[in-house]
Amino acid sequence: MSRTIVDRFGEYAEKQIDRHPARARKLLARTFRLYGNYMRMKKSDQLPARGYQMQHCNRAMAASLSDNGRKSVVVSIFTPCEVMHAMGLDVVFPEGLSCYMTASHCEKIFLNEAEKSGVPESFCSFHKQFIGMVEKGVLPKPCCIVNTTMVCDANQLSFRYLADYYQVPHFVIDVPNDWNEKNQEYVRQQLQQMALFLQSSSGIQLDEQKLKESMELAQKGIENYREILRLKATRSERGRLTDLMMDSFEYHVLLGTEETVESGNRMIRELKELPEVVPDNQQGVCVAWVHILPYWQESMTNIFNHNENVEVISGDMSYDNLDVDLTGGDPYEKMAEMLLKDSFNGPAERRIERVLRYARDMHADGIVYFCHWGCKQTLGASSLAAKTFEEAGFPTLVLDGDGCDPRNIQDGQMVTRVQAFIEQLEARRR
């Protein structure tokens, strides 16, 4: 769809949101499904597997807006959702829905509504927009809310607010910073309690065999993504910023589904068909990305999407939890280990080392460290991260921006800095 069509759709959707929120909800859900189907069938420069992935993610987002008899659970992006998938519950997460609303150009009405309700301008725009969706009556009432204490301060506030607004049960998984046997047992017990909580809140019983199957699917998904990253180290996909955003969705809240496994299987087959390139002789520069991707920002997509001269090869929102074996043994213990060993959990050095590992393995020429508006953890670690990356031999650009609010960016300045950074990387390769 052209930008003009999307602009017109956003204007129409905002009018419906303001006047008929239930009608707008159906309109948005239907549009997400249709666009996913369109991308699946569309002939384009992207790999066909990306069309399948888009269809999968779009169906999940459409389900978030379905008033389906209280079968949805609002979760944070780091919540282990294998239990929900085993129970047939739809997962709803602020980061995903807010991305889709911005892509649909109807984010302003939600952001403004949240700020009118007292949410500060400095609050994370993903969660601010999510609160606006609640205030405008677009988000259906869930059966319950589940989130972790990991990484994001905003979700501690927004999810508590949602629980009070909808008067639904709320479960918080407290995740300590360090992995050890005591902490693993502490989190394991909480996850068992979460399963009981979900059954009580939804009225659906958990089949332990289906949970085992969901865990096996999650493990296969993780193995697939490890192989995808290995292949991308020597094969140029020349994709889009949106692709890496979809990766972060599939390998977090959609992990443990058959569709995520099939998406990975397709990607592996299609990457293997691309010509293998020796890293020193590859065309264009390769960039490793840290944190949120500005997938909606036309100036950034014009630089990075389907570009023969520069490629974003990885994003650390997608490879934070690939080192755990989820099969065999107690599934709750495995999920607990995955949470505790996640590179986003604990000190910033853990995340920095993970980025360096994949930057080396995937032969990155440089690193873009994206400081998303309102994310204190990422902002606070930016100086340490940049210093560590530079000392390890990776030129680093610390780039300020916003993952879903166009009001918080300086577009021209961002373009100038990114282009200068790419020129710097190209000069180093000569």
Protein backbone atom coordinates (compact mmCIF):
# COMPACT_ATOMS: atom_id res chain seq x y z
CA MET A 1 0.00 0.00 0.00
CA SER A 2 1.24 3.48 -0.76
CA ARG A 3 1.76 6.02 1.98
CA THR A 4 -1.22 7.99 0.66
CA ILE A 5 -3.54 5.03 1.11
CA VAL A 6 -2.22 4.40 4.61
CA ASP A 7 -2.64 8.08 5.51
CA ARG A 8 -6.23 7.99 4.33
CA PHE A 9 -6.88 4.77 6.20
CA GLY A 10 -5.42 6.28 9.39
CA GLU A 11 -7.65 9.34 9.12
CA TYR A 12 -10.74 7.19 8.57
CA ALA A 13 -9.79 4.80 11.39
CA GLU A 14 -9.26 7.66 13.84
CA LYS A 15 -12.73 9.00 13.08
CA GLN A 16 -14.21 5.57 13.73
CA ILE A 17 -12.17 5.17 16.91
CA ASP A 18 -13.51 8.47 18.20
CA ARG A 19 -17.15 7.80 17.30
CA HIS A 20 -17.59 4.02 17.18
CA PRO A 21 -14.74 2.22 18.99
CA ALA A 22 -16.29 -1.25 18.66
CA ARG A 23 -16.69 -0.73 14.91
CA ALA A 24 -13.11 0.57 14.71
CA ARG A 25 -11.86 -2.52 16.52
CA LYS A 26 -13.45 -4.77 13.90
CA LEU A 27 -12.13 -2.58 11.10
CA LEU A 28 -8.56 -2.77 12.41
CA ALA A 29 -8.71 -6.53 13.03
CA ARG A 30 -10.08 -7.14 9.53
CA THR A 31 -7.44 -4.88 7.98
CA PHE A 32 -4.59 -6.62 9.80
CA ARG A 33 -5.79 -10.02 8.57
CA LEU A 34 -6.28 -8.83 5.00
CA TYR A 35 -2.88 -7.13 4.88
CA GLY A 36 -1.21 -10.25 6.23
CA ASN A 37 -2.88 -12.31 3.49
CA TYR A 38 -1.85 -9.73 0.91
CA MET A 39 1.81 -9.83 2.02
CA ARG A 40 1.73 -13.65 1.92
CA MET A 41 0.62 -13.61 -1.73
CA LYS A 42 2.47 -10.51 -2.92
CA LYS A 43 5.34 -10.87 -5.36
CA SER A 44 8.15 -8.66 -4.05
CA ASP A 45 11.88 -8.41 -3.37
CA GLN A 46 11.50 -10.05 0.03
CA LEU A 47 11.82 -13.77 0.66
CA PRO A 48 8.45 -15.59 0.47
CA ALA A 49 9.04 -16.78 4.04
CA ARG A 50 8.72 -13.18 5.19
CA GLY A 51 5.23 -13.06 3.69
CA TYR A 52 4.28 -16.16 5.67
CA GLN A 53 5.75 -14.57 8.80
CA MET A 54 3.80 -11.36 8.24
CA GLN A 55 0.58 -13.31 7.82
CA HIS A 56 1.24 -15.18 11.05
CA CYS A 57 1.98 -12.05 13.06
CA ASN A 58 -0.95 -10.15 11.55
CA ARG A 59 -3.36 -12.91 12.48
CA ALA A 60 -2.06 -12.76 16.05
CA MET A 61 -2.55 -8.98 16.17
CA ALA A 62 -6.04 -9.30 14.72
CA ALA A 63 -6.87 -11.88 17.40
CA SER A 64 -5.77 -9.32 20.01
CA LEU A 65 -8.68 -7.14 18.89
CA SER A 66 -11.27 -9.90 18.71
CA ASP A 67 -13.97 -9.80 21.36
CA ASN A 68 -13.73 -13.56 21.71
CA GLY A 69 -15.46 -14.34 24.96
CA ARG A 70 -12.60 -13.38 27.27
CA LYS A 71 -10.06 -15.79 25.72
CA SER A 72 -7.27 -13.21 25.61
CA VAL A 73 -4.45 -12.52 28.08
CA VAL A 74 -2.49 -9.26 28.14
CA VAL A 75 1.22 -10.04 28.56
CA SER A 76 4.58 -8.29 28.53
CA ILE A 77 6.89 -9.26 25.68
CA PHE A 78 9.19 -11.29 27.98
CA THR A 79 6.35 -13.33 29.51
CA PRO A 80 6.74 -17.05 28.70
CA CYS A 81 3.57 -17.77 26.71
CA GLU A 82 3.91 -21.51 26.08
CA VAL A 83 1.27 -22.14 28.76
CA MET A 84 -1.15 -19.72 27.05
CA HIS A 85 -0.61 -21.39 23.67
CA ALA A 86 -1.21 -24.82 25.20
CA MET A 87 -4.53 -23.52 26.59
CA GLY A 88 -5.62 -21.90 23.32
CA LEU A 89 -5.52 -18.38 24.78
CA ASP A 90 -4.74 -15.36 22.58
CA VAL A 91 -1.83 -13.23 23.80
CA VAL A 92 -2.04 -9.43 23.63
CA PHE A 93 1.10 -7.35 24.14
CA PRO A 94 1.54 -3.56 24.08
CA GLU A 95 4.72 -3.52 21.98
CA GLY A 96 3.04 -5.42 19.16
CA LEU A 97 -0.32 -3.68 19.03
CA SER A 98 1.26 -0.23 19.35
CA CYS A 99 3.57 -1.02 16.43
CA TYR A 100 0.60 -2.00 14.32
CA MET A 101 -1.38 1.10 15.22
CA THR A 102 1.54 3.31 14.24
CA ALA A 103 1.93 1.39 10.97
CA SER A 104 -1.78 2.07 10.37
CA HIS A 105 -1.27 5.81 11.01
CA CYS A 106 -3.86 5.99 13.77
CA GLU A 107 -1.48 6.29 16.72
CA LYS A 108 -2.09 9.99 17.42
CA ILE A 109 -5.59 9.54 18.80
CA PHE A 110 -4.37 6.93 21.32
CA LEU A 111 -1.28 8.89 22.38
CA ASN A 112 -3.29 12.08 22.85
CA GLU A 113 -6.01 10.26 24.80
CA ALA A 114 -3.45 8.76 27.18
CA GLU A 115 -1.81 12.13 27.80
CA LYS A 116 -5.24 13.70 28.41
CA SER A 117 -5.73 11.03 31.08
CA GLY A 118 -2.54 12.10 32.85
CA VAL A 119 0.13 9.84 31.32
CA PRO A 120 3.34 11.95 31.12
CA GLU A 121 4.97 12.77 27.78
CA SER A 122 8.18 11.04 28.93
CA PHE A 123 6.40 7.69 29.39
CA CYS A 124 7.26 4.86 26.98
CA SER A 125 5.22 5.48 23.84
CA PHE A 126 4.40 1.78 23.38
CA HIS A 127 2.67 1.61 26.73
CA LYS A 128 1.25 5.11 26.42
CA GLN A 129 -0.44 4.16 23.17
CA PHE A 130 -1.72 0.94 24.72
CA ILE A 131 -3.30 2.90 27.57
CA GLY A 132 -4.90 5.17 24.97
CA MET A 133 -6.41 2.12 23.27
CA VAL A 134 -7.97 1.14 26.57
CA GLU A 135 -9.26 4.66 27.24
CA LYS A 136 -10.83 4.88 23.77
CA GLY A 137 -12.57 1.51 24.16
CA VAL A 138 -10.71 -0.21 21.31
CA LEU A 139 -8.96 -2.93 23.31
CA PRO A 140 -11.35 -5.75 24.31
CA LYS A 141 -11.56 -6.77 27.94
CA PRO A 142 -9.10 -9.65 28.58
CA CYS A 143 -9.67 -12.50 30.99
CA CYS A 144 -6.53 -11.53 32.92
CA ILE A 145 -3.12 -9.86 32.78
CA VAL A 146 0.30 -11.49 33.23
CA ASN A 147 3.65 -9.72 33.14
CA THR A 148 7.22 -10.09 34.36
CA THR A 149 9.33 -7.59 36.28
CA MET A 150 12.06 -7.85 33.62
CA VAL A 151 13.60 -4.85 31.87
CA CYS A 152 10.65 -2.50 31.46
CA ASP A 153 9.53 -0.17 34.24
CA ALA A 154 6.58 1.05 32.16
CA ASN A 155 4.79 -2.28 32.21
CA GLN A 156 4.69 -2.25 36.00
CA LEU A 157 2.52 0.86 35.76
CA SER A 158 0.51 0.23 32.60
CA PHE A 159 -0.49 -3.34 33.50
CA ARG A 160 -1.54 -2.35 37.00
CA TYR A 161 -3.63 0.39 35.42
CA LEU A 162 -5.21 -2.07 32.95
CA ALA A 163 -6.10 -4.51 35.73
CA ASP A 164 -7.81 -1.72 37.70
CA TYR A 165 -9.58 -0.36 34.62
CA TYR A 166 -11.00 -3.71 33.51
CA GLN A 167 -11.31 -5.16 37.02
CA VAL A 168 -9.58 -8.38 35.96
CA PRO A 169 -7.04 -10.54 37.83
CA HIS A 170 -3.37 -9.57 37.50
CA PHE A 171 -0.36 -11.86 37.99
CA VAL A 172 3.22 -10.57 38.20
CA ILE A 173 6.23 -12.88 37.74
CA ASP A 174 9.10 -11.55 39.83
CA VAL A 175 12.37 -12.35 38.05
CA PRO A 176 15.62 -11.88 40.05
CA ASN A 177 18.65 -10.49 38.23
CA ASP A 178 20.91 -13.53 38.54
CA TRP A 179 20.59 -17.19 37.69
CA ASN A 180 21.24 -19.72 40.43
CA GLU A 181 19.39 -22.80 41.63
CA LYS A 182 17.59 -20.92 44.39
CA ASN A 183 16.33 -18.21 42.03
CA GLN A 184 15.36 -20.81 39.44
CA GLU A 185 13.23 -22.66 41.96
CA TYR A 186 11.69 -19.33 43.08
CA VAL A 187 10.65 -18.47 39.51
CA ARG A 188 9.57 -22.05 38.75
CA GLN A 189 7.09 -21.96 41.62
CA GLN A 190 5.70 -18.66 40.33
CA LEU A 191 5.22 -20.10 36.86
CA GLN A 192 3.33 -23.06 38.29
CA GLN A 193 1.13 -20.58 40.14
CA MET A 194 0.71 -18.65 36.88
CA ALA A 195 -0.68 -21.79 35.22
CA LEU A 196 -3.22 -22.21 38.01
CA PHE A 197 -4.03 -18.50 37.79
CA LEU A 198 -4.67 -18.75 34.04
CA GLN A 199 -6.97 -21.73 34.50
CA SER A 200 -8.95 -19.95 37.19
CA SER A 201 -9.19 -16.69 35.23
CA SER A 202 -10.11 -18.22 31.87
CA GLY A 203 -12.12 -21.25 32.92
CA ILE A 204 -9.95 -23.39 30.61
CA GLN A 205 -8.06 -26.37 31.96
CA LEU A 206 -4.41 -26.88 31.04
CA ASP A 207 -3.60 -30.16 29.35
CA GLU A 208 -0.05 -31.06 30.44
CA GLN A 209 0.50 -33.01 27.21
CA LYS A 210 -0.31 -29.90 25.19
CA LEU A 211 2.11 -27.90 27.34
CA LYS A 212 4.80 -30.46 26.58
CA GLU A 213 4.02 -30.11 22.87
CA SER A 214 4.16 -26.31 23.13
CA MET A 215 7.57 -26.54 24.81
CA GLU A 216 8.82 -28.83 22.04
CA LEU A 217 7.60 -26.32 19.45
CA ALA A 218 9.35 -23.53 21.37
CA GLN A 219 12.61 -25.49 21.36
CA LYS A 220 12.31 -26.15 17.63
CA GLY A 221 11.65 -22.45 17.09
CA ILE A 222 14.81 -21.53 19.02
CA GLU A 223 16.88 -24.05 17.07
CA ASN A 224 15.49 -22.65 13.82
CA TYR A 225 16.41 -19.09 14.75
CA ARG A 226 19.95 -20.09 15.70
CA GLU A 227 20.28 -21.63 12.24
CA ILE A 228 18.74 -18.56 10.59
CA LEU A 229 21.33 -16.31 12.22
CA ARG A 230 24.13 -18.70 11.22
CA LEU A 231 22.98 -18.62 7.60
CA LYS A 232 22.52 -14.85 7.57
CA ALA A 233 26.19 -14.48 8.54
CA THR A 234 27.16 -15.43 4.98
CA ARG A 235 23.99 -14.75 2.97
CA SER A 236 22.48 -11.36 2.20
CA GLU A 237 18.73 -11.30 2.61
CA ARG A 238 18.49 -7.55 1.90
CA GLY A 239 15.25 -7.39 3.85
CA ARG A 240 13.37 -4.74 5.78
CA LEU A 241 13.47 -3.30 9.28
CA THR A 242 9.97 -4.73 9.72
CA ASP A 243 11.36 -8.26 9.30
CA LEU A 244 13.48 -8.03 12.44
CA MET A 245 10.54 -6.58 14.36
CA MET A 246 8.49 -9.62 13.36
CA ASP A 247 11.34 -11.87 14.49
CA SER A 248 11.14 -10.33 17.95
CA PHE A 249 7.40 -11.08 18.08
CA GLU A 250 7.70 -14.67 16.89
CA TYR A 251 10.59 -15.58 19.17
CA HIS A 252 8.97 -14.13 22.27
CA VAL A 253 5.19 -14.15 22.72
CA LEU A 254 4.54 -16.38 19.67
CA LEU A 255 7.22 -18.91 20.59
CA GLY A 256 5.65 -22.33 21.13
CA THR A 257 3.28 -22.18 18.14
CA GLU A 258 3.33 -24.35 15.02
CA GLU A 259 3.30 -21.22 12.85
CA THR A 260 6.55 -19.90 14.33
CA VAL A 261 8.23 -23.24 13.63
CA GLU A 262 6.91 -23.27 10.06
CA SER A 263 8.04 -19.67 9.56
CA GLY A 264 11.55 -20.65 10.65
CA ASN A 265 11.57 -23.76 8.47
CA ARG A 266 10.71 -21.65 5.43
CA MET A 267 13.35 -19.05 6.23
CA ILE A 268 16.05 -21.71 6.54
CA ARG A 269 15.14 -23.31 3.20
CA GLU A 270 15.07 -19.98 1.39
CA LEU A 271 18.26 -18.63 2.96
CA LYS A 272 20.08 -21.81 1.90
CA GLU A 273 19.09 -21.06 -1.69
CA LEU A 274 20.79 -17.64 -1.60
CA PRO A 275 24.41 -17.42 -2.80
CA GLU A 276 26.97 -17.80 -0.03
CA VAL A 277 29.31 -14.83 0.28
CA VAL A 278 32.72 -14.65 1.94
CA PRO A 279 32.34 -11.89 4.57
CA ASP A 280 35.37 -9.91 3.35
CA ASN A 281 33.97 -9.86 -0.19
CA GLN A 282 30.30 -9.23 0.53
CA GLN A 283 28.59 -6.32 -1.16
CA GLY A 284 27.61 -3.48 1.14
CA VAL A 285 28.08 -3.04 4.87
CA CYS A 286 26.38 -5.06 7.59
CA VAL A 287 24.91 -3.41 10.67
CA ALA A 288 23.93 -5.04 13.97
CA TRP A 289 20.98 -3.26 15.59
CA VAL A 290 20.38 -2.86 19.31
CA HIS A 291 16.86 -2.38 20.71
CA ILE A 292 13.72 -1.14 18.93
CA LEU A 293 13.60 -0.77 15.15
CA PRO A 294 12.09 2.40 13.60
CA TYR A 295 10.21 0.26 11.06
CA TRP A 296 7.52 2.93 10.53
CA GLN A 297 9.85 5.86 9.85
CA GLU A 298 9.98 6.37 6.08
CA SER A 299 13.35 8.12 6.14
CA MET A 300 14.89 5.11 7.91
CA THR A 301 13.19 2.51 5.73
CA ASN A 302 14.39 4.39 2.64
CA ILE A 303 17.94 3.87 3.88
CA PHE A 304 17.77 0.28 5.09
CA ASN A 305 14.99 -1.59 3.26
CA HIS A 306 16.10 -3.75 0.29
CA ASN A 307 19.36 -1.80 0.02
CA GLU A 308 22.30 -3.40 -1.79
CA ASN A 309 24.76 -1.13 0.02
CA VAL A 310 23.72 -1.62 3.65
CA GLU A 311 21.88 -4.37 5.52
CA VAL A 312 20.67 -4.67 9.10
CA ILE A 313 21.60 -8.28 9.76
CA SER A 314 20.39 -8.75 13.34
CA GLY A 315 18.49 -7.17 16.21
CA ASP A 316 19.17 -7.98 19.85
CA MET A 317 15.45 -8.08 20.64
CA SER A 318 15.39 -11.46 18.87
CA TYR A 319 18.46 -13.40 20.09
CA ASP A 320 18.25 -12.68 23.82
CA ASN A 321 17.16 -16.18 24.85
CA LEU A 322 18.58 -18.73 22.39
CA ASP A 323 20.90 -20.67 24.71
CA VAL A 324 18.41 -22.72 26.75
CA ASP A 325 17.17 -26.26 26.02
CA LEU A 326 13.43 -26.24 26.74
CA THR A 327 12.73 -29.94 26.20
CA GLY A 328 12.77 -32.71 28.80
CA GLY A 329 12.25 -32.28 32.51
CA ASP A 330 9.91 -29.86 34.23
CA PRO A 331 8.54 -27.29 31.74
CA TYR A 332 8.20 -24.66 34.46
CA GLU A 333 11.82 -25.13 35.45
CA LYS A 334 12.86 -24.71 31.81
CA MET A 335 10.83 -21.52 31.42
CA ALA A 336 12.30 -20.19 34.65
CA GLU A 337 15.83 -20.85 33.40
CA MET A 338 15.01 -19.09 30.14
CA LEU A 339 13.82 -15.97 31.97
CA LEU A 340 16.76 -15.81 34.35
CA LYS A 341 19.37 -16.35 31.63
CA ASP A 342 17.83 -13.88 29.19
CA SER A 343 20.42 -11.29 28.13
CA PHE A 344 17.94 -8.50 28.88
CA ASN A 345 17.72 -9.63 32.50
CA GLY A 346 20.21 -8.37 35.07
CA PRO A 347 23.17 -6.04 34.50
CA ALA A 348 23.67 -4.18 31.22
CA GLU A 349 27.00 -5.96 30.67
CA ARG A 350 25.12 -9.20 30.00
CA ARG A 351 23.21 -7.64 27.12
CA ILE A 352 26.32 -5.88 25.80
CA GLU A 353 28.28 -9.15 25.69
CA ARG A 354 25.45 -10.87 23.84
CA VAL A 355 25.41 -8.12 21.20
CA LEU A 356 29.19 -8.43 20.78
CA ARG A 357 28.93 -12.18 20.39
CA TYR A 358 26.45 -11.97 17.53
CA ALA A 359 28.17 -8.97 15.96
CA ARG A 360 31.33 -11.08 15.70
CA ASP A 361 29.58 -14.28 14.61
CA MET A 362 27.58 -12.48 11.91
CA HIS A 363 30.51 -10.35 10.68
CA ALA A 364 28.90 -6.98 11.43
CA ASP A 365 30.79 -3.89 10.24
CA GLY A 366 29.23 -1.65 12.89
CA ILE A 367 26.50 -1.33 15.51
CA VAL A 368 23.52 1.03 15.79
CA TYR A 369 22.40 1.47 19.41
CA PHE A 370 18.85 2.83 19.27
CA CYS A 371 17.71 4.83 22.31
CA HIS A 372 13.94 4.54 22.30
CA TRP A 373 12.09 7.44 23.91
CA GLY A 374 11.18 6.66 27.52
CA CYS A 375 13.25 3.47 27.88
CA LYS A 376 15.48 4.27 30.85
CA GLN A 377 17.33 0.94 30.83
CA THR A 378 18.54 1.31 27.25
CA LEU A 379 19.28 5.01 27.58
CA GLY A 380 21.19 4.49 30.81
CA ALA A 381 23.47 1.83 29.31
CA SER A 382 24.22 3.69 26.07
CA SER A 383 27.59 5.18 27.08
CA LEU A 384 28.90 1.90 28.52
CA ALA A 385 27.66 -0.04 25.49
CA ALA A 386 29.16 2.34 22.93
CA LYS A 387 32.51 2.38 24.75
CA THR A 388 32.61 -1.43 24.94
CA PHE A 389 31.62 -1.91 21.30
CA GLU A 390 34.19 0.62 20.07
CA GLU A 391 36.96 -0.97 22.13
CA ALA A 392 36.04 -4.33 20.62
CA GLY A 393 36.51 -2.87 17.12
CA PHE A 394 32.91 -2.09 16.16
CA PRO A 395 32.15 1.53 15.20
CA THR A 396 28.95 2.46 17.03
CA LEU A 397 26.21 5.00 16.38
CA VAL A 398 24.03 5.91 19.37
CA LEU A 399 20.79 7.02 17.73
CA ASP A 400 17.93 8.73 19.57
CA GLY A 401 14.43 8.05 18.29
CA ASP A 402 11.05 6.55 19.06
CA GLY A 403 9.67 3.14 18.25
CA CYS A 404 6.11 4.30 17.60
CA ASP A 405 5.56 8.04 18.24
CA PRO A 406 6.43 10.34 15.29
CA ARG A 407 6.33 13.39 17.58
CA ASN A 408 9.54 12.34 19.35
CA ILE A 409 11.96 12.24 16.44
CA GLN A 410 14.20 14.69 14.60
CA ASP A 411 13.96 13.10 11.20
CA GLY A 412 16.49 15.19 9.28
CA GLN A 413 19.14 14.91 11.96
CA MET A 414 18.66 11.14 12.19
CA VAL A 415 19.06 10.71 8.42
CA THR A 416 22.23 12.80 8.38
CA ARG A 417 23.81 10.85 11.23
CA VAL A 418 22.87 7.45 9.80
CA GLN A 419 24.18 8.30 6.33
CA ALA A 420 27.45 9.60 7.79
CA PHE A 421 27.78 6.40 9.84
CA ILE A 422 27.25 4.21 6.77
CA GLU A 423 29.88 6.22 4.88
CA GLN A 424 32.27 5.66 7.79
CA LEU A 425 31.70 1.89 7.63
CA GLU A 426 32.12 1.86 3.86
CA ALA A 427 35.43 3.72 4.17
CA ARG A 428 36.72 1.15 6.69
CA ARG A 429 36.00 -1.68 4.25
CA ARG A 430 38.01 -0.20 1.39
